[in-house]
Amino acid sequence: MKTSRTLTAAVSAAASLALLTSTVADAAPRPGPTPNARAHGIEKRGDAYMGWNNPRLPATKTNPGVLATVSGIDVSSHQGNVDWSAQWGAGHRFAYVKASEGDYYVNPYFAQQYNGSYNVGMIRGAYHFATPGDSGGAAQADYFVNHGGGWSRDGKTLPGVLDIEYNPYGATCYGLSQSSMVSWIKAFSDRYRSRTGRDVVIYTTAGWWTQCTGNTTAFRYTNPLWVARYASTPGTLPGGWPYYTFWQYTSTPIDKDYFNGDLTRLKALANG
């Protein structure tokens, strides 16, 4: 009987230690921005934005290489309250707005930016800045959809975007192997489709995609590509994609993008 009580006490102590260890681990702060990220204006978690690690180059005359394009912009909390009438007057006809990041952040300017672009006449959509080292792809897709990343067939709402690029908070590939990263992206994409009925657009750079996914071609026929390259052409596309759907070509004085087609095709993409 004494031996049984001793064993029970030992088990209880071990369980308490495991619970304490788990609680401490859960409470551990996530790493903050790297020095490089801080140099690009990312002061805290949640500040990441599309193309944050691209060089801050002056705007140059571009040659989209297609017969027709539509001009647009993408914004985050860094732009604050956007003057949408001015952006419309500048010729922009679509906008993507950062909705969320990881499983912990929602853009505080999302309503002004998302609704404001819609009200001025733009076709708009939402994007999610992925942090695969924090939680699973399906969980982050749910977080995105639950915080503004949904879709409706109203002719004015574009499918959501998975912004997957250089990690501003640590290791370039978020501590994942190439195969694990591909699985993470697939989990996000599958859950987004199950929640909205649309294939999520993938925003990335050729360099990151090659380094962190092994330049996988797994998404080339399902998910539209949004390529980031600040140059006069979009360059060689990653992942075997035969063409890009969006191209982010400069950050001056705001992130600017082209849609690869005319306004009729952009509306078709919105309608699904």
Protein backbone atom coordinates (compact mmCIF):
# COMPACT_ATOMS: atom_id res chain seq x y z
CA MET A 1 0.00 0.00 0.00
CA LYS A 2 2.87 2.37 0.82
CA THR A 3 4.51 1.58 -2.55
CA SER A 4 1.25 2.40 -4.38
CA ARG A 5 0.98 5.79 -2.66
CA THR A 6 4.59 6.59 -3.50
CA LEU A 7 4.02 5.70 -7.16
CA THR A 8 0.86 7.84 -7.28
CA ALA A 9 2.70 10.81 -5.79
CA ALA A 10 5.53 10.43 -8.31
CA VAL A 11 3.09 10.33 -11.21
CA SER A 12 1.27 13.39 -9.88
CA ALA A 13 4.53 15.30 -9.51
CA ALA A 14 5.59 14.40 -13.05
CA ALA A 15 2.23 15.55 -14.43
CA SER A 16 2.50 18.85 -12.56
CA LEU A 17 6.01 19.38 -13.90
CA ALA A 18 4.85 18.65 -17.47
CA LEU A 19 1.95 21.09 -17.09
CA LEU A 20 4.26 23.78 -15.72
CA THR A 21 6.74 23.24 -18.56
CA SER A 22 3.94 23.44 -21.14
CA THR A 23 2.56 26.62 -19.57
CA VAL A 24 5.99 28.27 -19.56
CA ALA A 25 6.54 27.26 -23.20
CA ASP A 26 3.16 28.62 -24.22
CA ALA A 27 3.87 31.88 -22.43
CA ALA A 28 7.29 32.34 -24.03
CA PRO A 29 7.30 35.47 -26.19
CA ARG A 30 7.58 35.00 -29.93
CA PRO A 31 10.71 36.47 -31.50
CA GLY A 32 10.45 40.05 -32.63
CA PRO A 33 11.60 41.59 -35.91
CA THR A 34 15.15 41.04 -37.12
CA PRO A 35 17.44 44.05 -37.58
CA ASN A 36 16.84 43.82 -41.34
CA ALA A 37 13.07 43.90 -40.81
CA ARG A 38 13.37 46.90 -38.48
CA ALA A 39 15.33 48.70 -41.17
CA HIS A 40 12.27 48.19 -43.40
CA GLY A 41 9.85 49.71 -40.88
CA ILE A 42 8.73 46.52 -39.10
CA GLU A 43 8.90 47.46 -35.43
CA LYS A 44 6.77 44.69 -33.94
CA ARG A 45 4.88 41.54 -34.84
CA GLY A 46 1.97 42.38 -37.10
CA ASP A 47 3.87 45.09 -38.99
CA ALA A 48 4.93 42.79 -41.85
CA TYR A 49 3.68 43.70 -45.30
CA MET A 50 3.86 42.46 -48.87
CA GLY A 51 7.36 42.72 -50.29
CA TRP A 52 8.91 44.04 -47.08
CA ASN A 53 12.32 42.58 -48.00
CA ASN A 54 12.34 43.83 -51.59
CA PRO A 55 14.76 46.69 -52.27
CA ARG A 56 13.25 50.14 -51.89
CA LEU A 57 13.82 51.25 -55.47
CA PRO A 58 12.57 54.37 -57.24
CA ALA A 59 9.64 53.87 -59.57
CA THR A 60 10.72 53.15 -63.13
CA LYS A 61 8.92 52.88 -66.42
CA THR A 62 7.76 49.31 -66.73
CA ASN A 63 6.87 47.02 -69.57
CA PRO A 64 4.30 44.51 -68.35
CA GLY A 65 4.80 42.44 -71.49
CA VAL A 66 1.10 41.89 -72.13
CA LEU A 67 -1.43 43.60 -74.35
CA ALA A 68 -3.63 44.81 -71.49
CA THR A 69 -3.17 45.42 -67.79
CA VAL A 70 -5.10 46.90 -64.90
CA SER A 71 -3.27 49.02 -62.34
CA GLY A 72 -3.74 48.46 -58.62
CA ILE A 73 -2.16 48.86 -55.19
CA ASP A 74 -1.76 46.86 -52.00
CA VAL A 75 -1.88 48.40 -48.53
CA SER A 76 -1.46 47.53 -44.87
CA SER A 77 -1.50 49.38 -41.56
CA HIS A 78 1.59 51.29 -42.71
CA GLN A 79 -0.64 53.40 -44.99
CA GLY A 80 -3.20 54.18 -42.27
CA ASN A 81 -6.38 55.79 -43.57
CA VAL A 82 -6.03 55.80 -47.36
CA ASP A 83 -7.35 58.59 -49.58
CA TRP A 84 -9.18 56.27 -51.93
CA SER A 85 -10.51 59.02 -54.16
CA ALA A 86 -6.94 60.09 -54.85
CA GLN A 87 -5.92 56.51 -55.62
CA TRP A 88 -8.84 56.15 -58.01
CA GLY A 89 -7.81 59.43 -59.63
CA ALA A 90 -4.30 58.01 -60.06
CA GLY A 91 -5.76 55.27 -62.23
CA HIS A 92 -5.82 52.36 -59.81
CA ARG A 93 -8.79 50.06 -60.26
CA PHE A 94 -8.12 47.31 -57.75
CA ALA A 95 -6.67 47.04 -54.25
CA TYR A 96 -5.54 44.32 -51.91
CA VAL A 97 -5.66 45.04 -48.19
CA LYS A 98 -3.80 43.23 -45.43
CA ALA A 99 -6.36 41.58 -43.18
CA SER A 100 -4.30 39.42 -40.86
CA GLU A 101 -0.94 37.97 -39.92
CA GLY A 102 -0.13 34.61 -38.38
CA ASP A 103 -2.68 33.69 -35.73
CA TYR A 104 -2.33 36.84 -33.63
CA TYR A 105 -2.82 40.05 -35.63
CA VAL A 106 -5.61 41.92 -37.42
CA ASN A 107 -4.99 45.12 -39.39
CA PRO A 108 -6.61 47.95 -37.36
CA TYR A 109 -7.19 49.94 -40.57
CA PHE A 110 -8.78 47.03 -42.41
CA ALA A 111 -12.36 48.37 -42.43
CA GLN A 112 -11.36 51.82 -43.74
CA GLN A 113 -9.12 50.34 -46.40
CA TYR A 114 -11.26 47.40 -47.49
CA ASN A 115 -14.59 49.23 -47.51
CA GLY A 116 -13.12 52.51 -48.72
CA SER A 117 -11.61 50.95 -51.83
CA TYR A 118 -14.92 49.21 -52.56
CA ASN A 119 -16.95 52.39 -52.07
CA VAL A 120 -14.82 54.37 -54.50
CA GLY A 121 -15.44 51.76 -57.18
CA MET A 122 -12.42 49.50 -56.95
CA ILE A 123 -12.44 45.72 -57.06
CA ARG A 124 -10.77 44.69 -53.83
CA GLY A 125 -9.53 41.69 -51.90
CA ALA A 126 -7.74 40.78 -48.68
CA TYR A 127 -4.37 39.21 -47.94
CA HIS A 128 -2.83 37.25 -45.09
CA PHE A 129 0.85 37.51 -44.10
CA ALA A 130 1.82 33.93 -43.30
CA THR A 131 4.08 32.96 -40.40
CA PRO A 132 4.34 29.17 -40.82
CA GLY A 133 6.52 28.80 -37.73
CA ASP A 134 3.67 29.84 -35.43
CA SER A 135 0.81 27.49 -36.31
CA GLY A 136 -0.52 25.17 -39.00
CA GLY A 137 -1.64 26.21 -42.47
CA ALA A 138 -5.28 25.25 -41.91
CA ALA A 139 -5.39 27.19 -38.63
CA GLN A 140 -4.02 30.34 -40.27
CA ALA A 141 -6.46 30.00 -43.17
CA ASP A 142 -9.29 29.90 -40.65
CA TYR A 143 -7.88 32.95 -38.87
CA PHE A 144 -7.71 34.79 -42.19
CA VAL A 145 -11.26 33.94 -43.25
CA ASN A 146 -12.57 34.80 -39.79
CA HIS A 147 -10.92 38.23 -39.90
CA GLY A 148 -11.84 39.65 -43.29
CA GLY A 149 -10.40 37.16 -45.75
CA GLY A 150 -13.67 35.72 -47.01
CA TRP A 151 -15.09 35.96 -50.50
CA SER A 152 -18.48 36.68 -52.08
CA ARG A 153 -19.61 36.59 -55.70
CA ASP A 154 -20.54 40.26 -55.95
CA GLY A 155 -18.23 41.14 -58.82
CA LYS A 156 -16.20 43.44 -56.57
CA THR A 157 -14.41 40.97 -54.28
CA LEU A 158 -11.22 39.19 -55.35
CA PRO A 159 -10.13 35.84 -53.90
CA GLY A 160 -7.90 36.06 -50.85
CA VAL A 161 -4.11 36.05 -51.01
CA LEU A 162 -1.58 33.98 -49.10
CA ASP A 163 1.45 36.27 -48.70
CA ILE A 164 4.31 33.81 -48.18
CA GLU A 165 7.78 35.34 -48.28
CA TYR A 166 10.89 36.16 -46.28
CA ASN A 167 10.48 35.88 -42.52
CA PRO A 168 10.90 39.27 -40.80
CA TYR A 169 11.11 37.59 -37.38
CA GLY A 170 13.83 34.97 -37.81
CA ALA A 171 14.92 32.10 -40.04
CA THR A 172 14.14 32.72 -43.72
CA CYS A 173 12.02 29.57 -44.09
CA TYR A 174 10.43 29.81 -40.62
CA GLY A 175 12.29 26.70 -39.44
CA LEU A 176 10.50 24.41 -41.90
CA SER A 177 12.06 22.04 -44.41
CA GLN A 178 11.13 22.43 -48.06
CA SER A 179 8.71 19.48 -47.94
CA SER A 180 7.14 20.75 -44.71
CA MET A 181 6.70 24.19 -46.25
CA VAL A 182 4.93 22.72 -49.28
CA SER A 183 2.65 20.78 -46.93
CA TRP A 184 1.95 23.93 -44.92
CA ILE A 185 0.99 25.90 -48.04
CA LYS A 186 -1.21 23.04 -49.25
CA ALA A 187 -2.98 22.91 -45.89
CA PHE A 188 -3.66 26.64 -46.05
CA SER A 189 -4.83 26.46 -49.66
CA ASP A 190 -7.07 23.45 -49.06
CA ARG A 191 -8.73 25.00 -46.01
CA TYR A 192 -9.23 28.34 -47.76
CA ARG A 193 -10.93 26.59 -50.66
CA SER A 194 -13.14 24.55 -48.34
CA ARG A 195 -14.19 27.74 -46.51
CA THR A 196 -14.73 30.02 -49.54
CA GLY A 197 -14.95 27.87 -52.66
CA ARG A 198 -11.98 29.76 -54.18
CA ASP A 199 -8.33 28.91 -54.72
CA VAL A 200 -6.19 31.32 -52.76
CA VAL A 201 -3.80 33.52 -54.74
CA ILE A 202 -0.14 32.91 -53.78
CA TYR A 203 2.10 35.97 -53.42
CA THR A 204 5.82 35.26 -53.32
CA THR A 205 9.23 35.96 -54.82
CA ALA A 206 11.23 33.64 -57.04
CA GLY A 207 14.14 33.63 -54.60
CA TRP A 208 12.11 32.71 -51.52
CA TRP A 209 10.02 30.12 -53.38
CA THR A 210 13.12 28.38 -54.67
CA GLN A 211 14.91 28.41 -51.32
CA CYS A 212 11.99 27.43 -49.09
CA THR A 213 9.85 25.12 -51.27
CA GLY A 214 12.51 23.73 -53.61
CA ASN A 215 10.73 25.61 -56.41
CA THR A 216 7.80 23.23 -56.17
CA THR A 217 5.38 23.13 -59.09
CA ALA A 218 2.55 21.75 -56.95
CA PHE A 219 0.40 24.89 -57.18
CA ARG A 220 0.96 26.08 -60.74
CA TYR A 221 -2.35 24.85 -62.16
CA THR A 222 -4.59 25.57 -59.17
CA ASN A 223 -3.51 28.79 -57.47
CA PRO A 224 -3.05 32.12 -59.26
CA LEU A 225 0.46 33.56 -58.90
CA TRP A 226 1.24 37.02 -57.61
CA VAL A 227 4.94 37.55 -58.22
CA ALA A 228 6.97 40.28 -56.56
CA ARG A 229 9.86 41.71 -58.53
CA TYR A 230 10.86 45.36 -58.50
CA ALA A 231 12.22 45.64 -62.01
CA SER A 232 11.17 46.45 -65.54
CA THR A 233 9.84 42.92 -66.13
CA PRO A 234 8.47 40.18 -63.85
CA GLY A 235 11.43 37.96 -64.81
CA THR A 236 11.50 34.17 -64.70
CA LEU A 237 8.47 32.96 -62.78
CA PRO A 238 8.89 30.51 -59.90
CA GLY A 239 7.20 27.16 -59.45
CA GLY A 240 6.57 26.39 -63.10
CA TRP A 241 3.70 28.87 -63.29
CA PRO A 242 3.07 29.52 -66.99
CA TYR A 243 2.04 33.13 -66.35
CA TYR A 244 1.49 35.55 -63.49
CA THR A 245 -1.93 36.88 -62.48
CA PHE A 246 -0.59 39.84 -60.48
CA TRP A 247 2.83 41.47 -60.46
CA GLN A 248 4.05 43.80 -57.71
CA TYR A 249 6.59 45.95 -59.52
CA THR A 250 7.44 48.87 -57.22
CA SER A 251 6.97 50.27 -53.72
CA THR A 252 7.30 53.94 -54.67
CA PRO A 253 5.47 55.87 -53.38
CA ILE A 254 3.15 52.96 -52.52
CA ASP A 255 3.12 49.27 -53.44
CA LYS A 256 1.90 49.15 -57.04
CA ASP A 257 0.72 46.16 -59.01
CA TYR A 258 -0.46 45.05 -62.42
CA PHE A 259 -3.21 42.57 -63.16
CA ASN A 260 -2.29 40.50 -66.20
CA GLY A 261 -5.33 41.21 -68.36
CA ASP A 262 -7.98 43.82 -68.96
CA LEU A 263 -10.75 44.95 -66.62
CA THR A 264 -13.15 42.36 -68.02
CA ARG A 265 -10.76 39.57 -66.99
CA LEU A 266 -10.26 41.11 -63.56
CA LYS A 267 -14.02 41.12 -63.02
CA ALA A 268 -14.12 37.50 -64.18
CA LEU A 269 -11.54 36.61 -61.54
CA ALA A 270 -13.64 38.38 -58.92
CA ASN A 271 -16.74 36.46 -59.94
CA GLY A 272 -14.97 33.13 -59.92
